[in-house]
N, C-alpha and C. Protein backbone atom coordinates (compact mmCIF):
# COMPACT_ATOMS: atom_id res chain seq x y z
N GLU A 1 -22.54 -4.02 14.49
CA GLU A 1 -21.41 -4.11 15.59
C GLU A 1 -20.18 -4.76 14.32
N LEU A 2 -19.13 -4.30 13.96
CA LEU A 2 -17.93 -4.95 13.67
C LEU A 2 -16.72 -5.59 14.24
N TYR A 3 -16.57 -6.72 13.95
CA TYR A 3 -15.20 -7.09 14.44
C TYR A 3 -14.28 -7.48 13.67
N PRO A 4 -13.26 -7.29 14.29
CA PRO A 4 -11.78 -7.41 13.66
C PRO A 4 -12.25 -9.78 13.52
N ASP A 5 -11.66 -9.72 11.72
CA ASP A 5 -11.83 -10.71 11.38
C ASP A 5 -10.46 -10.78 10.32
N PHE A 6 -9.96 -13.03 10.16
CA PHE A 6 -9.83 -12.56 8.95
C PHE A 6 -8.53 -12.20 9.32
N PRO A 7 -7.54 -12.86 8.46
CA PRO A 7 -6.02 -12.36 9.17
C PRO A 7 -4.90 -10.93 8.52
N THR A 8 -6.28 -11.29 7.28
CA THR A 8 -5.57 -10.07 6.45
C THR A 8 -6.07 -8.35 6.20
N GLY A 9 -6.88 -8.29 7.68
CA GLY A 9 -7.99 -7.31 8.08
C GLY A 9 -9.01 -6.83 7.87
N GLY A 10 -9.92 -8.00 7.83
CA GLY A 10 -11.55 -8.25 7.18
C GLY A 10 -12.25 -7.30 8.55
N LEU A 11 -13.69 -7.01 8.20
CA LEU A 11 -14.48 -6.84 9.90
C LEU A 11 -15.56 -7.76 8.85
N ALA A 12 -15.88 -8.61 10.40
CA ALA A 12 -17.28 -9.10 10.03
C ALA A 12 -18.21 -8.85 11.06
N ASP A 13 -19.70 -7.91 10.19
CA ASP A 13 -20.53 -7.16 10.34
C ASP A 13 -21.37 -8.97 11.25
N VAL A 14 -21.72 -9.30 12.91
CA VAL A 14 -22.76 -9.70 13.76
C VAL A 14 -23.53 -9.36 13.78
N SER A 15 -23.70 -8.75 13.83
CA SER A 15 -25.29 -7.71 14.21
C SER A 15 -26.35 -8.14 14.03
N ARG A 16 -26.46 -9.27 13.01
CA ARG A 16 -27.44 -9.72 12.40
C ARG A 16 -27.66 -11.35 13.06
N TYR A 17 -26.72 -11.63 12.68
CA TYR A 17 -26.39 -13.23 13.74
C TYR A 17 -26.61 -13.49 14.36
N ASN A 18 -26.43 -12.36 15.96
CA ASN A 18 -25.94 -12.62 16.92
C ASN A 18 -27.93 -12.23 17.51
N GLY A 19 -28.73 -11.47 16.98
CA GLY A 19 -29.62 -11.11 17.25
C GLY A 19 -30.59 -12.19 16.21
N GLY A 20 -30.53 -12.94 16.25
CA GLY A 20 -30.84 -14.49 15.69
C GLY A 20 -31.61 -14.36 14.34
N LEU A 21 -30.80 -13.47 13.41
CA LEU A 21 -31.56 -13.62 12.39
C LEU A 21 -29.87 -14.35 11.60
N ARG A 22 -30.29 -14.51 10.48
CA ARG A 22 -29.46 -14.98 9.04
C ARG A 22 -29.19 -14.01 7.99
N GLY A 23 -28.20 -14.72 7.94
CA GLY A 23 -27.09 -13.61 7.16
C GLY A 23 -26.02 -12.55 7.91
N GLY A 24 -25.75 -12.03 7.14
CA GLY A 24 -24.29 -10.91 7.95
C GLY A 24 -23.72 -10.68 6.96
N LYS A 25 -22.32 -9.35 6.66
CA LYS A 25 -22.05 -9.53 5.96
C LYS A 25 -20.13 -9.22 6.67
N VAL A 26 -19.42 -9.12 5.41
CA VAL A 26 -18.14 -9.39 5.77
C VAL A 26 -17.45 -8.33 4.52
N ARG A 27 -16.40 -6.95 5.86
CA ARG A 27 -16.24 -6.08 4.23
C ARG A 27 -14.61 -6.02 4.50
N LEU A 28 -14.24 -5.72 3.62
CA LEU A 28 -12.79 -6.02 3.22
C LEU A 28 -12.16 -4.70 2.70
N ARG A 29 -10.80 -4.39 3.66
CA ARG A 29 -10.13 -3.27 2.73
C ARG A 29 -8.84 -3.48 2.10
N ALA A 30 -8.27 -2.60 2.04
CA ALA A 30 -7.44 -1.99 0.80
C ALA A 30 -6.01 -1.33 1.95
N LYS A 31 -5.28 -1.35 1.80
CA LYS A 31 -4.45 -0.19 2.85
C LYS A 31 -3.54 0.69 1.58
N ILE A 32 -4.34 1.87 1.73
CA ILE A 32 -3.87 2.72 0.35
C ILE A 32 -3.52 4.17 1.36
N SER A 33 -2.05 4.31 0.45
CA SER A 33 -2.00 5.72 1.39
C SER A 33 -1.05 6.78 -0.01
N GLN A 34 -1.15 7.58 -0.10
CA GLN A 34 -0.67 8.97 -0.76
C GLN A 34 0.77 8.95 -0.17
N VAL A 35 1.35 8.85 -1.23
CA VAL A 35 3.09 9.05 -1.36
C VAL A 35 3.40 11.03 -1.19
N ASP A 36 3.10 11.17 -2.44
CA ASP A 36 2.85 12.70 -2.57
C ASP A 36 1.10 13.25 -3.61
N LYS A 37 1.51 14.00 -4.25
CA LYS A 37 0.36 14.76 -5.33
C LYS A 37 0.07 13.70 -5.82
N LYS A 38 1.00 12.95 -6.67
CA LYS A 38 0.74 12.04 -8.06
C LYS A 38 0.61 11.00 -8.07
N THR A 39 0.98 10.27 -6.81
CA THR A 39 1.10 8.64 -6.17
C THR A 39 0.69 8.15 -5.03
N LEU A 40 0.32 6.84 -5.42
CA LEU A 40 -0.56 6.20 -4.21
C LEU A 40 -0.46 4.80 -4.30
N LEU A 41 0.51 4.59 -2.88
CA LEU A 41 0.69 3.20 -2.67
C LEU A 41 -0.23 2.31 -1.52
N ILE A 42 -0.40 0.97 -2.42
CA ILE A 42 -1.37 0.15 -2.21
C ILE A 42 -0.77 -0.39 -1.53
N SER A 43 -0.78 -0.97 -0.13
CA SER A 43 0.17 -2.05 0.84
C SER A 43 -0.56 -3.20 1.22
N GLU A 44 -1.45 -3.62 0.92
CA GLU A 44 -2.60 -3.83 1.38
C GLU A 44 -3.44 -4.84 0.96
N LEU A 45 -4.27 -5.21 0.44
CA LEU A 45 -5.18 -6.49 -0.54
C LEU A 45 -5.79 -7.67 -0.06
N PRO A 46 -7.47 -7.16 -0.17
CA PRO A 46 -7.92 -8.10 0.56
C PRO A 46 -7.63 -9.33 0.54
N PHE A 47 -7.83 -10.96 1.27
CA PHE A 47 -8.05 -11.92 1.08
C PHE A 47 -8.58 -11.84 -0.41
N GLY A 48 -8.11 -13.24 -1.40
CA GLY A 48 -8.46 -13.66 -2.82
C GLY A 48 -8.03 -12.53 -3.80
N THR A 49 -7.74 -11.29 -3.26
CA THR A 49 -7.69 -10.38 -4.32
C THR A 49 -6.44 -10.38 -4.93
N THR A 50 -6.38 -10.76 -5.84
CA THR A 50 -4.42 -10.27 -6.67
C THR A 50 -4.48 -9.70 -7.42
N THR A 51 -2.62 -9.42 -7.23
CA THR A 51 -2.44 -7.93 -8.13
C THR A 51 -3.43 -7.34 -9.62
N GLU A 52 -3.04 -8.59 -10.12
CA GLU A 52 -3.38 -8.14 -11.68
C GLU A 52 -5.28 -8.43 -11.59
N SER A 53 -6.14 -8.93 -10.81
CA SER A 53 -7.29 -8.60 -11.34
C SER A 53 -7.53 -6.78 -10.36
N LEU A 54 -6.28 -6.09 -9.39
CA LEU A 54 -6.60 -4.85 -9.12
C LEU A 54 -5.98 -4.35 -10.42
N ILE A 55 -5.03 -4.52 -11.19
CA ILE A 55 -5.18 -3.94 -11.37
C ILE A 55 -5.01 -3.82 -13.54
N ASP A 56 -6.03 -5.11 -13.37
CA ASP A 56 -7.42 -4.81 -14.47
C ASP A 56 -8.34 -4.08 -13.92
N THR A 57 -8.35 -4.10 -12.65
CA THR A 57 -9.88 -2.63 -12.65
C THR A 57 -9.02 -1.49 -12.10
N ILE A 58 -8.09 -1.23 -12.72
CA ILE A 58 -7.04 0.17 -12.31
C ILE A 58 -7.55 0.11 -13.96
N VAL A 59 -7.09 -0.18 -14.95
CA VAL A 59 -6.90 0.23 -16.23
C VAL A 59 -8.65 -0.04 -16.94
N THR A 60 -9.25 -0.53 -16.64
CA THR A 60 -10.47 -0.72 -16.72
C THR A 60 -11.67 0.98 -16.53
N ALA A 61 -10.93 0.99 -15.48
CA ALA A 61 -11.24 2.53 -14.45
C ALA A 61 -10.97 4.10 -15.38
N ASN A 62 -9.55 3.52 -16.08
CA ASN A 62 -9.48 4.86 -16.01
C ASN A 62 -9.56 4.62 -17.84
N GLU A 63 -10.01 3.45 -18.65
CA GLU A 63 -10.32 3.37 -20.28
C GLU A 63 -11.64 4.00 -20.17
N LYS A 64 -12.50 4.06 -19.09
CA LYS A 64 -14.02 4.83 -19.03
C LYS A 64 -14.01 6.46 -18.69
N GLY A 65 -12.66 6.57 -18.44
CA GLY A 65 -13.02 7.62 -17.71
C GLY A 65 -13.20 8.22 -16.57
N LYS A 66 -13.16 6.96 -15.63
CA LYS A 66 -13.27 7.03 -14.40
C LYS A 66 -12.32 7.67 -13.84
N ILE A 67 -10.94 7.41 -13.45
CA ILE A 67 -9.85 7.68 -12.90
C ILE A 67 -8.86 8.06 -14.09
N LYS A 68 -7.65 9.21 -13.49
CA LYS A 68 -6.35 9.04 -15.02
C LYS A 68 -5.32 8.25 -14.44
N ILE A 69 -5.12 7.58 -14.58
CA ILE A 69 -3.36 7.37 -14.20
C ILE A 69 -1.78 7.32 -15.33
N ARG A 70 -0.92 7.55 -15.04
CA ARG A 70 0.14 7.52 -15.98
C ARG A 70 0.94 6.34 -16.59
N LYS A 71 1.05 5.37 -15.29
CA LYS A 71 1.23 4.00 -14.97
C LYS A 71 1.28 3.38 -13.76
N ILE A 72 1.70 1.93 -13.93
CA ILE A 72 1.31 1.52 -13.14
C ILE A 72 2.20 0.68 -12.31
N ASP A 73 3.20 0.63 -11.22
CA ASP A 73 4.39 -0.12 -11.03
C ASP A 73 4.06 -1.29 -9.91
N ASP A 74 4.12 -2.35 -10.54
CA ASP A 74 3.43 -3.52 -9.56
C ASP A 74 5.30 -4.10 -9.17
N ASN A 75 5.02 -3.53 -7.29
CA ASN A 75 6.72 -4.03 -7.52
C ASN A 75 6.07 -5.76 -6.18
N THR A 76 5.56 -6.33 -6.32
CA THR A 76 5.06 -7.29 -5.88
C THR A 76 6.38 -8.48 -6.34
N ALA A 77 6.91 -9.70 -4.85
CA ALA A 77 7.60 -10.41 -5.44
C ALA A 77 7.06 -12.02 -6.58
């Protein structure tokens, strides 16, 4: 059972909690849309994630050959 939680779009899995057990999961998601064949637009990040840490993760994945990127534009204010 997933219920909306957090103002940034997180989901709380309370199935174990409602069953009398300890623990649970919180799922956080980003909103990513494909603008064209070569452009992804990330419009929302999970709470606690910074654009700096996201960019570092993307650059690291590119260096390891997991993804291919040409450039990153950070348009945050």
